[in-house]
Amino acid sequence: MNKIKYAVSTLVAAVLFGCAASGYKVSDKGEKYKSSLTREQALKDLHKYVFKSDAQAGVCGAHTNTQFQPATPTAVQGPQIGFDSLVQVIAGASAAPGPLAGTVNVKTNIQFVKASFKMDLTRLDKIRIQNEVKALCGRHPGPLSDYVVTIDNKGVADSGKGEANALMINVSKDNLDYLVALLSYLSPNARILEGAGL
């Protein structure tokens, strides 16, 4: 049920933000940086973009089993970003007689619970660049910089296994192409898109 709900909400979000995603071309400086990377250097540099700095907020949000949840990075372990976010869980239900004979009204109690997640950067499906910073990471408590890079793996994630549907990283204009180059180095088959859409 959560997977169907997530798929529907993803479609709604795409419609709200517009369906005008297009390919993104990394700048020459980004391509030069990418060509100089080794796996060891890429994983070392990843820390600069995941954690908060004076230039940018780093990891700022996630789509878990519900969209647009705040996220806080906890670790970079190899090519995996560890982070905490919130999941929606059913905390109980109550039933009462309905207005018609033989019917029942059921009320479901929903709670948001903190959970730990990992995103494998070697299995990315899409790397998406967007400038709707407040819309994507508005629940992040600190200041935000110029862009959000949203990354995801293929398919619908299972939050019960610590998988997230997407992770948002806030990045400055100066660092944008370096982060995109690094991510595409780790996941060379990932599609690089600009703007919202499917």
Foldseek 3Di string as FASTA:
>chain_A
DLQVVVVVVLVVVLVVQDADKDADDQDPVLVVLLVPDDLVVLLVCLVVFQPDDPFFHHWQAFAASHAQWGKHWDDRDRQKTKIKTKDKDFPDKDWDDDPDPPDIDIDTDIDIDIDMAMDRLLQWAAWEKEQPCCVRRVVGPDDGAGIKIKIAGPDQDDVVVRYTGIIITGGHPVCVSNVVSSSCSSHVNHGYIYTGHD
